[in-house]
């Protein structure tokens, strides 16, 4: 899994880079088929903004979050992506289980 970080009007320090990698790396723990993650960190006046796109086979997930603190924005973004991926995983499991029942009939 690749994590690509880009900064707009902000310098990505090693501390922020490591924090983003650990938080978004947890997303890959829930679903094994994550290809890569593209994250863009930006600053607009007093708002710190982060947006990320998670590429998976057949599906892409996008989330964005802004806060006064960059670390808080990263935390809430990781939670949003986690919820989206867990919901997708549950749907695929349900479809797979329901599909086997119809084929057996």
PDB file of N, CA and C in Angstrom:
ATOM      1  N   UNK A   1       0.846  -1.175   0.000  1.00  0.00           N
ATOM      2  CA  UNK A   1       0.000   0.000   0.000  1.00  0.00           C
ATOM      3  C   UNK A   1       0.896   1.244   0.000  1.00  0.00           C
ATOM      4  N   UNK A   2       0.605   2.165  -0.887  1.00  0.00           N
ATOM      5  CA  UNK A   2       1.345   3.409  -0.985  1.00  0.00           C
ATOM      6  C   UNK A   2       0.514   4.544  -0.400  1.00  0.00           C
ATOM      7  N   UNK A   3       1.174   5.425   0.339  1.00  0.00           N
ATOM      8  CA  UNK A   3       0.533   6.624   0.851  1.00  0.00           C
ATOM      9  C   UNK A   3       1.279   7.818   0.263  1.00  0.00           C
ATOM     10  N   UNK A   4       0.588   8.599  -0.567  1.00  0.00           N
ATOM     11  CA  UNK A   4       1.173   9.770  -1.200  1.00  0.00           C
ATOM     12  C   UNK A   4       0.656  11.018  -0.494  1.00  0.00           C
ATOM     13  N   UNK A   5       1.563  11.844   0.006  1.00  0.00           N
ATOM     14  CA  UNK A   5       1.195  13.074   0.692  1.00  0.00           C
ATOM     15  C   UNK A   5       1.604  14.277  -0.150  1.00  0.00           C
ATOM     16  N   UNK A   6       0.701  15.254  -0.213  1.00  0.00           N
ATOM     17  CA  UNK A   6       0.965  16.489  -0.927  1.00  0.00           C
ATOM     18  C   UNK A   6       0.566  17.641  -0.029  1.00  0.00           C
ATOM     19  N   UNK A   7       1.346  18.699  -0.025  1.00  0.00           N
ATOM     20  CA  UNK A   7       1.037  19.859   0.797  1.00  0.00           C
ATOM     21  C   UNK A   7       0.814  21.094  -0.043  1.00  0.00           C
ATOM     22  N   UNK A   8      -0.288  21.797   0.208  1.00  0.00           N
ATOM     23  CA  UNK A   8      -0.588  23.059  -0.451  1.00  0.00           C
ATOM     24  C   UNK A   8      -0.501  24.158   0.596  1.00  0.00           C
ATOM     25  N   UNK A   9       0.447  25.038   0.444  1.00  0.00           N
ATOM     26  CA  UNK A   9       0.676  26.142   1.379  1.00  0.00           C
ATOM     27  C   UNK A   9       1.043  25.643   2.770  1.00  0.00           C
ATOM     28  N   UNK A  10       1.570  24.448   2.860  1.00  0.00           N
ATOM     29  CA  UNK A  10       2.011  23.903   4.134  1.00  0.00           C
ATOM     30  C   UNK A  10       3.206  22.985   3.879  1.00  0.00           C
ATOM     31  N   UNK A  11       4.158  23.040   4.760  1.00  0.00           N
ATOM     32  CA  UNK A  11       5.304  22.143   4.667  1.00  0.00           C
ATOM     33  C   UNK A  11       4.987  20.875   5.453  1.00  0.00           C
ATOM     34  N   UNK A  12       5.193  19.737   4.830  1.00  0.00           N
ATOM     35  CA  UNK A  12       4.911  18.464   5.488  1.00  0.00           C
ATOM     36  C   UNK A  12       6.158  18.068   6.272  1.00  0.00           C
ATOM     37  N   UNK A  13       6.057  18.162   7.574  1.00  0.00           N
ATOM     38  CA  UNK A  13       7.176  17.815   8.442  1.00  0.00           C
ATOM     39  C   UNK A  13       7.216  16.299   8.624  1.00  0.00           C
ATOM     40  N   UNK A  14       8.344  15.760   9.045  1.00  0.00           N
ATOM     41  CA  UNK A  14       8.406  14.311   9.294  1.00  0.00           C
ATOM     42  C   UNK A  14       7.403  13.848  10.353  1.00  0.00           C
ATOM     43  N   UNK A  15       7.111  14.699  11.341  1.00  0.00           N
ATOM     44  CA  UNK A  15       6.138  14.328  12.376  1.00  0.00           C
ATOM     45  C   UNK A  15       4.739  14.188  11.786  1.00  0.00           C
ATOM     46  N   UNK A  16       4.341  15.129  10.929  1.00  0.00           N
ATOM     47  CA  UNK A  16       3.016  15.048  10.302  1.00  0.00           C
ATOM     48  C   UNK A  16       2.967  13.860   9.354  1.00  0.00           C
ATOM     49  N   UNK A  17       4.045  13.649   8.607  1.00  0.00           N
ATOM     50  CA  UNK A  17       4.082  12.525   7.671  1.00  0.00           C
ATOM     51  C   UNK A  17       3.910  11.195   8.411  1.00  0.00           C
ATOM     52  N   UNK A  18       4.595  11.029   9.519  1.00  0.00           N
ATOM     53  CA  UNK A  18       4.493   9.784  10.295  1.00  0.00           C
ATOM     54  C   UNK A  18       3.103   9.628  10.909  1.00  0.00           C
ATOM     55  N   UNK A  19       2.531  10.735  11.383  1.00  0.00           N
ATOM     56  CA  UNK A  19       1.197  10.688  11.988  1.00  0.00           C
ATOM     57  C   UNK A  19       0.142  10.286  10.959  1.00  0.00           C
ATOM     58  N   UNK A  20       0.228  10.843   9.761  1.00  0.00           N
ATOM     59  CA  UNK A  20      -0.725  10.496   8.705  1.00  0.00           C
ATOM     60  C   UNK A  20      -0.551   9.032   8.315  1.00  0.00           C
ATOM     61  N   UNK A  21       0.678   8.568   8.199  1.00  0.00           N
ATOM     62  CA  UNK A  21       0.916   7.173   7.822  1.00  0.00           C
ATOM     63  C   UNK A  21       0.364   6.204   8.858  1.00  0.00           C
ATOM     64  N   UNK A  22       0.511   6.512  10.149  1.00  0.00           N
ATOM     65  CA  UNK A  22      -0.015   5.602  11.172  1.00  0.00           C
ATOM     66  C   UNK A  22      -1.541   5.620  11.185  1.00  0.00           C
ATOM     67  N   UNK A  23      -2.143   6.805  11.064  1.00  0.00           N
ATOM     68  CA  UNK A  23      -3.608   6.894  11.109  1.00  0.00           C
ATOM     69  C   UNK A  23      -4.243   6.260   9.877  1.00  0.00           C
ATOM     70  N   UNK A  24      -3.727   6.567   8.695  1.00  0.00           N
ATOM     71  CA  UNK A  24      -4.320   6.013   7.482  1.00  0.00           C
ATOM     72  C   UNK A  24      -3.882   4.572   7.258  1.00  0.00           C
ATOM     73  N   UNK A  25      -2.815   4.150   7.885  1.00  0.00           N
ATOM     74  CA  UNK A  25      -2.408   2.754   7.818  1.00  0.00           C
ATOM     75  C   UNK A  25      -3.388   1.845   8.527  1.00  0.00           C
ATOM     76  N   UNK A  26      -4.071   2.379   9.529  1.00  0.00           N
ATOM     77  CA  UNK A  26      -5.085   1.595  10.235  1.00  0.00           C
ATOM     78  C   UNK A  26      -6.289   1.298   9.348  1.00  0.00           C
ATOM     79  N   UNK A  27      -6.526   2.165   8.361  1.00  0.00           N
ATOM     80  CA  UNK A  27      -7.615   1.931   7.413  1.00  0.00           C
ATOM     81  C   UNK A  27      -7.348   0.653   6.630  1.00  0.00           C
ATOM     82  N   UNK A  28      -6.103   0.427   6.274  1.00  0.00           N
ATOM     83  CA  UNK A  28      -5.744  -0.765   5.505  1.00  0.00           C
ATOM     84  C   UNK A  28      -5.860  -2.034   6.340  1.00  0.00           C
ATOM     85  N   UNK A  29      -5.859  -1.910   7.656  1.00  0.00           N
ATOM     86  CA  UNK A  29      -6.012  -3.097   8.499  1.00  0.00           C
ATOM     87  C   UNK A  29      -7.409  -3.688   8.397  1.00  0.00           C
ATOM     88  N   UNK A  30      -8.402  -2.855   8.108  1.00  0.00           N
ATOM     89  CA  UNK A  30      -9.779  -3.340   8.019  1.00  0.00           C
ATOM     90  C   UNK A  30     -10.082  -3.993   6.676  1.00  0.00           C
ATOM     91  N   UNK A  31      -9.392  -3.565   5.645  1.00  0.00           N
ATOM     92  CA  UNK A  31      -9.654  -4.094   4.311  1.00  0.00           C
ATOM     93  C   UNK A  31      -8.313  -4.307   3.626  1.00  0.00           C
ATOM     94  N   UNK A  32      -8.025  -5.520   3.219  1.00  0.00           N
ATOM     95  CA  UNK A  32      -6.701  -5.888   2.722  1.00  0.00           C
ATOM     96  C   UNK A  32      -6.414  -5.413   1.303  1.00  0.00           C
ATOM     97  N   UNK A  33      -7.429  -5.066   0.530  1.00  0.00           N
ATOM     98  CA  UNK A  33      -7.229  -4.789  -0.883  1.00  0.00           C
ATOM     99  C   UNK A  33      -7.057  -3.306  -1.202  1.00  0.00           C
ATOM    100  N   UNK A  34      -6.477  -2.534  -0.294  1.00  0.00           N
ATOM    101  CA  UNK A  34      -6.226  -1.121  -0.546  1.00  0.00           C
ATOM    102  C   UNK A  34      -4.992  -0.999  -1.437  1.00  0.00           C
ATOM    103  N   UNK A  35      -5.143  -0.314  -2.581  1.00  0.00           N
ATOM    104  CA  UNK A  35      -4.028  -0.146  -3.512  1.00  0.00           C
ATOM    105  C   UNK A  35      -3.146   1.000  -3.065  1.00  0.00           C
ATOM    106  N   UNK A  36      -3.729   2.187  -2.963  1.00  0.00           N
ATOM    107  CA  UNK A  36      -2.958   3.334  -2.498  1.00  0.00           C
ATOM    108  C   UNK A  36      -3.884   4.402  -1.937  1.00  0.00           C
ATOM    109  N   UNK A  37      -3.275   5.345  -1.231  1.00  0.00           N
ATOM    110  CA  UNK A  37      -3.996   6.448  -0.611  1.00  0.00           C
ATOM    111  C   UNK A  37      -3.297   7.740  -1.010  1.00  0.00           C
ATOM    112  N   UNK A  38      -4.069   8.682  -1.533  1.00  0.00           N
ATOM    113  CA  UNK A  38      -3.553  10.003  -1.879  1.00  0.00           C
ATOM    114  C   UNK A  38      -4.143  11.004  -0.902  1.00  0.00           C
ATOM    115  N   UNK A  39      -3.290  11.716  -0.183  1.00  0.00           N
ATOM    116  CA  UNK A  39      -3.749  12.704   0.798  1.00  0.00           C
ATOM    117  C   UNK A  39      -3.177  14.073   0.444  1.00  0.00           C
ATOM    118  N   UNK A  40      -4.028  15.093   0.565  1.00  0.00           N
ATOM    119  CA  UNK A  40      -3.623  16.469   0.290  1.00  0.00           C
ATOM    120  C   UNK A  40      -3.886  17.284   1.548  1.00  0.00           C
ATOM    121  N   UNK A  41      -2.831  17.877   2.088  1.00  0.00           N
ATOM    122  CA  UNK A  41      -2.938  18.738   3.262  1.00  0.00           C
ATOM    123  C   UNK A  41      -2.833  20.182   2.786  1.00  0.00           C
ATOM    124  N   UNK A  42      -3.725  21.036   3.276  1.00  0.00           N
ATOM    125  CA  UNK A  42      -3.687  22.432   2.860  1.00  0.00           C
ATOM    126  C   UNK A  42      -4.083  23.337   4.016  1.00  0.00           C
ATOM    127  N   UNK A  43      -3.699  24.599   3.881  1.00  0.00           N
ATOM    128  CA  UNK A  43      -4.027  25.617   4.880  1.00  0.00           C
ATOM    129  C   UNK A  43      -4.695  26.775   4.159  1.00  0.00           C
ATOM    130  N   UNK A  44      -5.869  27.144   4.635  1.00  0.00           N
ATOM    131  CA  UNK A  44      -6.588  28.295   4.103  1.00  0.00           C
ATOM    132  C   UNK A  44      -6.951  29.192   5.273  1.00  0.00           C
ATOM    133  N   UNK A  45      -6.278  30.302   5.374  1.00  0.00           N
ATOM    134  CA  UNK A  45      -6.405  31.251   6.475  1.00  0.00           C
ATOM    135  C   UNK A  45      -6.177  30.528   7.796  1.00  0.00           C
ATOM    136  N   UNK A  46      -7.207  30.334   8.613  1.00  0.00           N
ATOM    137  CA  UNK A  46      -7.026  29.672   9.908  1.00  0.00           C
ATOM    138  C   UNK A  46      -7.499  28.217   9.904  1.00  0.00           C
ATOM    139  N   UNK A  47      -7.975  27.729   8.777  1.00  0.00           N
ATOM    140  CA  UNK A  47      -8.485  26.365   8.702  1.00  0.00           C
ATOM    141  C   UNK A  47      -7.432  25.428   8.117  1.00  0.00           C
ATOM    142  N   UNK A  48      -7.161  24.349   8.817  1.00  0.00           N
ATOM    143  CA  UNK A  48      -6.280  23.287   8.344  1.00  0.00           C
ATOM    144  C   UNK A  48      -7.178  22.244   7.685  1.00  0.00           C
ATOM    145  N   UNK A  49      -6.876  21.868   6.460  1.00  0.00           N
ATOM    146  CA  UNK A  49      -7.752  20.975   5.712  1.00  0.00           C
ATOM    147  C   UNK A  49      -6.953  19.781   5.201  1.00  0.00           C
ATOM    148  N   UNK A  50      -7.564  18.612   5.271  1.00  0.00           N
ATOM    149  CA  UNK A  50      -6.961  17.410   4.692  1.00  0.00           C
ATOM    150  C   UNK A  50      -8.038  16.676   3.913  1.00  0.00           C
ATOM    151  N   UNK A  51      -7.666  16.191   2.755  1.00  0.00           N
ATOM    152  CA  UNK A  51      -8.575  15.380   1.957  1.00  0.00           C
ATOM    153  C   UNK A  51      -7.805  14.169   1.459  1.00  0.00           C
ATOM    154  N   UNK A  52      -8.499  13.056   1.359  1.00  0.00           N
ATOM    155  CA  UNK A  52      -7.829  11.814   0.977  1.00  0.00           C
ATOM    156  C   UNK A  52      -8.729  10.997   0.061  1.00  0.00           C
ATOM    157  N   UNK A  53      -8.077  10.286  -0.852  1.00  0.00           N
ATOM    158  CA  UNK A  53      -8.748   9.358  -1.743  1.00  0.00           C
ATOM    159  C   UNK A  53      -8.109   7.993  -1.562  1.00  0.00           C
ATOM    160  N   UNK A  54      -8.927   6.998  -1.272  1.00  0.00           N
ATOM    161  CA  UNK A  54      -8.458   5.625  -1.096  1.00  0.00           C
ATOM    162  C   UNK A  54      -8.860   4.835  -2.336  1.00  0.00           C
ATOM    163  N   UNK A  55      -7.876   4.268  -3.025  1.00  0.00           N
ATOM    164  CA  UNK A  55      -8.123   3.495  -4.239  1.00  0.00           C
ATOM    165  C   UNK A  55      -8.143   2.009  -3.886  1.00  0.00           C
ATOM    166  N   UNK A  56      -9.241   1.372  -4.272  1.00  0.00           N
ATOM    167  CA  UNK A  56      -9.398  -0.070  -4.080  1.00  0.00           C
ATOM    168  C   UNK A  56      -9.890  -0.652  -5.394  1.00  0.00           C
ATOM    169  N   UNK A  57      -9.748  -1.938  -5.598  1.00  0.00           N
ATOM    170  CA  UNK A  57     -10.242  -2.526  -6.850  1.00  0.00           C
ATOM    171  C   UNK A  57     -11.754  -2.329  -6.985  1.00  0.00           C
ATOM    172  N   UNK A  58     -12.159  -1.603  -8.013  1.00  0.00           N
ATOM    173  CA  UNK A  58     -13.579  -1.405  -8.274  1.00  0.00           C
ATOM    174  C   UNK A  58     -14.238  -0.276  -7.515  1.00  0.00           C
ATOM    175  N   UNK A  59     -13.543   0.377  -6.601  1.00  0.00           N
ATOM    176  CA  UNK A  59     -14.177   1.408  -5.780  1.00  0.00           C
ATOM    177  C   UNK A  59     -13.136   2.394  -5.292  1.00  0.00           C
ATOM    178  N   UNK A  60     -13.492   3.668  -5.274  1.00  0.00           N
ATOM    179  CA  UNK A  60     -12.656   4.715  -4.704  1.00  0.00           C
ATOM    180  C   UNK A  60     -13.451   5.421  -3.619  1.00  0.00           C
ATOM    181  N   UNK A  61     -12.788   5.729  -2.519  1.00  0.00           N
ATOM    182  CA  UNK A  61     -13.425   6.439  -1.416  1.00  0.00           C
ATOM    183  C   UNK A  61     -12.759   7.795  -1.259  1.00  0.00           C
ATOM    184  N   UNK A  62     -13.573   8.825  -1.004  1.00  0.00           N
ATOM    185  CA  UNK A  62     -13.063  10.174  -0.829  1.00  0.00           C
ATOM    186  C   UNK A  62     -13.641  10.756   0.450  1.00  0.00           C
ATOM    187  N   UNK A  63     -12.805  11.447   1.196  1.00  0.00           N
ATOM    188  CA  UNK A  63     -13.258  12.147   2.395  1.00  0.00           C
ATOM    189  C   UNK A  63     -12.407  13.391   2.575  1.00  0.00           C
ATOM    190  N   UNK A  64     -13.001  14.413   3.162  1.00  0.00           N
ATOM    191  CA  UNK A  64     -12.255  15.618   3.479  1.00  0.00           C
ATOM    192  C   UNK A  64     -12.711  16.133   4.825  1.00  0.00           C
ATOM    193  N   UNK A  65     -11.795  16.806   5.492  1.00  0.00           N
ATOM    194  CA  UNK A  65     -12.087  17.297   6.823  1.00  0.00           C
ATOM    195  C   UNK A  65     -11.258  18.547   7.079  1.00  0.00           C
ATOM    196  N   UNK A  66     -11.830  19.502   7.800  1.00  0.00           N
ATOM    197  CA  UNK A  66     -11.080  20.702   8.139  1.00  0.00           C
ATOM    198  C   UNK A  66     -11.294  21.020   9.608  1.00  0.00           C
ATOM    199  N   UNK A  67     -10.264  21.600  10.206  1.00  0.00           N
ATOM    200  CA  UNK A  67     -10.285  21.931  11.626  1.00  0.00           C
ATOM    201  C   UNK A  67      -9.236  23.004  11.869  1.00  0.00           C
ATOM    202  N   UNK A  68      -9.263  23.584  13.039  1.00  0.00           N
ATOM    203  CA  UNK A  68      -8.248  24.581  13.388  1.00  0.00           C
ATOM    204  C   UNK A  68      -6.899  23.920  13.654  1.00  0.00           C
ATOM    205  N   UNK A  69      -6.915  22.640  14.029  1.00  0.00           N
ATOM    206  CA  UNK A  69      -5.701  21.887  14.330  1.00  0.00           C
ATOM    207  C   UNK A  69      -5.542  20.790  13.275  1.00  0.00           C
ATOM    208  N   UNK A  70      -4.360  20.668  12.693  1.00  0.00           N
ATOM    209  CA  UNK A  70      -4.131  19.678  11.641  1.00  0.00           C
ATOM    210  C   UNK A  70      -4.263  18.257  12.162  1.00  0.00           C
ATOM    211  N   UNK A  71      -3.792  18.007  13.371  1.00  0.00           N
ATOM    212  CA  UNK A  71      -3.868  16.653  13.932  1.00  0.00           C
ATOM    213  C   UNK A  71      -5.316  16.236  14.184  1.00  0.00           C
ATOM    214  N   UNK A  72      -6.158  17.170  14.610  1.00  0.00           N
ATOM    215  CA  UNK A  72      -7.581  16.867  14.810  1.00  0.00           C
ATOM    216  C   UNK A  72      -8.249  16.578  13.466  1.00  0.00           C
ATOM    217  N   UNK A  73      -7.863  17.309  12.427  1.00  0.00           N
ATOM    218  CA  UNK A  73      -8.418  17.065  11.100  1.00  0.00           C
ATOM    219  C   UNK A  73      -8.016  15.680  10.587  1.00  0.00           C
ATOM    220  N   UNK A  74      -6.779  15.280  10.841  1.00  0.00           N
ATOM    221  CA  UNK A  74      -6.304  13.961  10.418  1.00  0.00           C
ATOM    222  C   UNK A  74      -7.077  12.863  11.153  1.00  0.00           C
ATOM    223  N   UNK A  75      -7.310  13.053  12.449  1.00  0.00           N
ATOM    224  CA  UNK A  75      -8.067  12.073  13.226  1.00  0.00           C
ATOM    225  C   UNK A  75      -9.482  11.899  12.687  1.00  0.00           C
ATOM    226  N   UNK A  76     -10.177  13.002  12.434  1.00  0.00           N
ATOM    227  CA  UNK A  76     -11.549  12.898  11.960  1.00  0.00           C
ATOM    228  C   UNK A  76     -11.608  12.335  10.540  1.00  0.00           C
ATOM    229  N   UNK A  77     -10.608  12.640   9.714  1.00  0.00           N
ATOM    230  CA  UNK A  77     -10.554  12.067   8.371  1.00  0.00           C
ATOM    231  C   UNK A  77     -10.368  10.552   8.436  1.00  0.00           C
ATOM    232  N   UNK A  78      -9.503  10.099   9.309  1.00  0.00           N
ATOM    233  CA  UNK A  78      -9.285   8.652   9.456  1.00  0.00           C
ATOM    234  C   UNK A  78     -10.567   7.962   9.918  1.00  0.00           C
ATOM    235  N   UNK A  79     -11.324   8.606  10.809  1.00  0.00           N
ATOM    236  CA  UNK A  79     -12.593   8.035  11.258  1.00  0.00           C
ATOM    237  C   UNK A  79     -13.603   7.956  10.123  1.00  0.00           C
ATOM    238  N   UNK A  80     -13.686   9.008   9.306  1.00  0.00           N
ATOM    239  CA  UNK A  80     -14.615   9.002   8.178  1.00  0.00           C
ATOM    240  C   UNK A  80     -14.283   7.896   7.181  1.00  0.00           C
ATOM    241  N   UNK A  81     -13.012   7.795   6.828  1.00  0.00           N
ATOM    242  CA  UNK A  81     -12.611   6.754   5.882  1.00  0.00           C
ATOM    243  C   UNK A  81     -12.831   5.367   6.454  1.00  0.00           C
ATOM    244  N   UNK A  82     -12.587   5.215   7.743  1.00  0.00           N
ATOM    245  CA  UNK A  82     -12.785   3.930   8.403  1.00  0.00           C
ATOM    246  C   UNK A  82     -14.248   3.504   8.325  1.00  0.00           C
ATOM    247  N   UNK A  83     -15.153   4.445   8.589  1.00  0.00           N
ATOM    248  CA  UNK A  83     -16.583   4.132   8.513  1.00  0.00           C
ATOM    249  C   UNK A  83     -16.989   3.758   7.099  1.00  0.00           C
ATOM    250  N   UNK A  84     -16.505   4.488   6.106  1.00  0.00           N
ATOM    251  CA  UNK A  84     -16.861   4.190   4.714  1.00  0.00           C
ATOM    252  C   UNK A  84     -16.376   2.805   4.301  1.00  0.00           C
ATOM    253  N   UNK A  85     -15.153   2.472   4.667  1.00  0.00           N
ATOM    254  CA  UNK A  85     -14.594   1.180   4.263  1.00  0.00           C
ATOM    255  C   UNK A  85     -15.271   0.033   4.995  1.00  0.00           C
ATOM    256  N   UNK A  86     -15.574   0.216   6.270  1.00  0.00           N
ATOM    257  CA  UNK A  86     -16.275  -0.839   7.014  1.00  0.00           C
ATOM    258  C   UNK A  86     -17.668  -1.077   6.433  1.00  0.00           C
ATOM    259  N   UNK A  87     -18.360  -0.010   6.045  1.00  0.00           N
ATOM    260  CA  UNK A  87     -19.685  -0.154   5.446  1.00  0.00           C
ATOM    261  C   UNK A  87     -19.585  -0.896   4.120  1.00  0.00           C
ATOM    262  N   UNK A  88     -18.579  -0.568   3.308  1.00  0.00           N
ATOM    263  CA  UNK A  88     -18.378  -1.253   2.035  1.00  0.00           C
ATOM    264  C   UNK A  88     -18.053  -2.730   2.257  1.00  0.00           C
ATOM    265  N   UNK A  89     -17.230  -3.003   3.247  1.00  0.00           N
ATOM    266  CA  UNK A  89     -16.860  -4.385   3.547  1.00  0.00           C
ATOM    267  C   UNK A  89     -18.079  -5.186   3.991  1.00  0.00           C
ATOM    268  N   UNK A  90     -18.919  -4.598   4.838  1.00  0.00           N
ATOM    269  CA  UNK A  90     -20.133  -5.290   5.282  1.00  0.00           C
ATOM    270  C   UNK A  90     -21.075  -5.563   4.117  1.00  0.00           C
ATOM    271  N   UNK A  91     -21.193  -4.603   3.189  1.00  0.00           N
ATOM    272  CA  UNK A  91     -22.062  -4.799   2.032  1.00  0.00           C
ATOM    273  C   UNK A  91     -21.559  -5.941   1.154  1.00  0.00           C
ATOM    274  N   UNK A  92     -20.251  -5.998   0.922  1.00  0.00           N
ATOM    275  CA  UNK A  92     -19.724  -7.061   0.071  1.00  0.00           C
ATOM    276  C   UNK A  92     -19.892  -8.432   0.722  1.00  0.00           C
ATOM    277  N   UNK A  93     -19.744  -8.490   2.022  1.00  0.00           N
ATOM    278  CA  UNK A  93     -19.935  -9.764   2.723  1.00  0.00           C
ATOM    279  C   UNK A  93     -21.394 -10.192   2.638  1.00  0.00           C
ATOM    280  N   UNK A  94     -22.324  -9.248   2.825  1.00  0.00           N
ATOM    281  CA  UNK A  94     -23.741  -9.583   2.742  1.00  0.00           C
ATOM    282  C   UNK A  94     -24.112 -10.041   1.339  1.00  0.00           C
ATOM    283  N   UNK A  95     -23.607  -9.367   0.324  1.00  0.00           N
ATOM    284  CA  UNK A  95     -23.903  -9.760  -1.060  1.00  0.00           C
ATOM    285  C   UNK A  95     -23.370 -11.149  -1.360  1.00  0.00           C
ATOM    286  N   UNK A  96     -22.179 -11.416  -0.866  1.00  0.00           N
ATOM    287  CA  UNK A  96     -21.576 -12.720  -1.120  1.00  0.00           C
ATOM    288  C   UNK A  96     -22.381 -13.824  -0.443  1.00  0.00           C
ATOM    289  N   UNK A  97     -22.815 -13.583   0.778  1.00  0.00           N
ATOM    290  CA  UNK A  97     -23.588 -14.592   1.480  1.00  0.00           C
ATOM    291  C   UNK A  97     -24.970 -14.767   0.883  1.00  0.00           C
ATOM    292  N   UNK A  98     -25.597 -13.665   0.490  1.00  0.00           N
ATOM    293  CA  UNK A  98     -26.924 -13.753  -0.140  1.00  0.00           C
ATOM    294  C   UNK A  98     -26.833 -14.405  -1.506  1.00  0.00           C
ATOM    295  N   UNK A  99     -25.789 -14.142  -2.249  1.00  0.00           N
ATOM    296  CA  UNK A  99     -25.617 -14.712  -3.579  1.00  0.00           C
ATOM    297  C   UNK A  99     -25.447 -16.217  -3.537  1.00  0.00           C
ATOM    298  N   UNK A 100     -24.789 -16.737  -2.526  1.00  0.00           N
ATOM    299  CA  UNK A 100     -24.608 -18.190  -2.420  1.00  0.00           C
ATOM    300  C   UNK A 100     -25.936 -18.874  -2.143  1.00  0.00           C
ATOM    301  N   UNK A 101     -26.798 -18.226  -1.404  1.00  0.00           N
ATOM    302  CA  UNK A 101     -28.093 -18.823  -1.112  1.00  0.00           C
ATOM    303  C   UNK A 101     -28.962 -18.930  -2.361  1.00  0.00           C
ATOM    304  N   UNK A 102     -28.899 -17.952  -3.233  1.00  0.00           N
ATOM    305  CA  UNK A 102     -29.706 -17.986  -4.459  1.00  0.00           C
ATOM    306  C   UNK A 102     -29.173 -19.017  -5.440  1.00  0.00           C
ATOM    307  N   UNK A 103     -27.862 -19.171  -5.511  1.00  0.00           N
ATOM    308  CA  UNK A 103     -27.298 -20.162  -6.423  1.00  0.00           C
ATOM    309  C   UNK A 103     -27.631 -21.585  -5.976  1.00  0.00           C
ATOM    310  N   UNK A 104     -27.723 -21.787  -4.693  1.00  0.00           N
ATOM    311  CA  UNK A 104     -28.012 -23.118  -4.171  1.00  0.00           C
ATOM    312  C   UNK A 104     -29.449 -23.530  -4.462  1.00  0.00           C
ATOM    313  N   UNK A 105     -30.350 -22.548  -4.601  1.00  0.00           N
ATOM    314  CA  UNK A 105     -31.760 -22.886  -4.863  1.00  0.00           C
ATOM    315  C   UNK A 105     -31.887 -23.306  -6.305  1.00  0.00           C
TER     316      UNK A 105
END
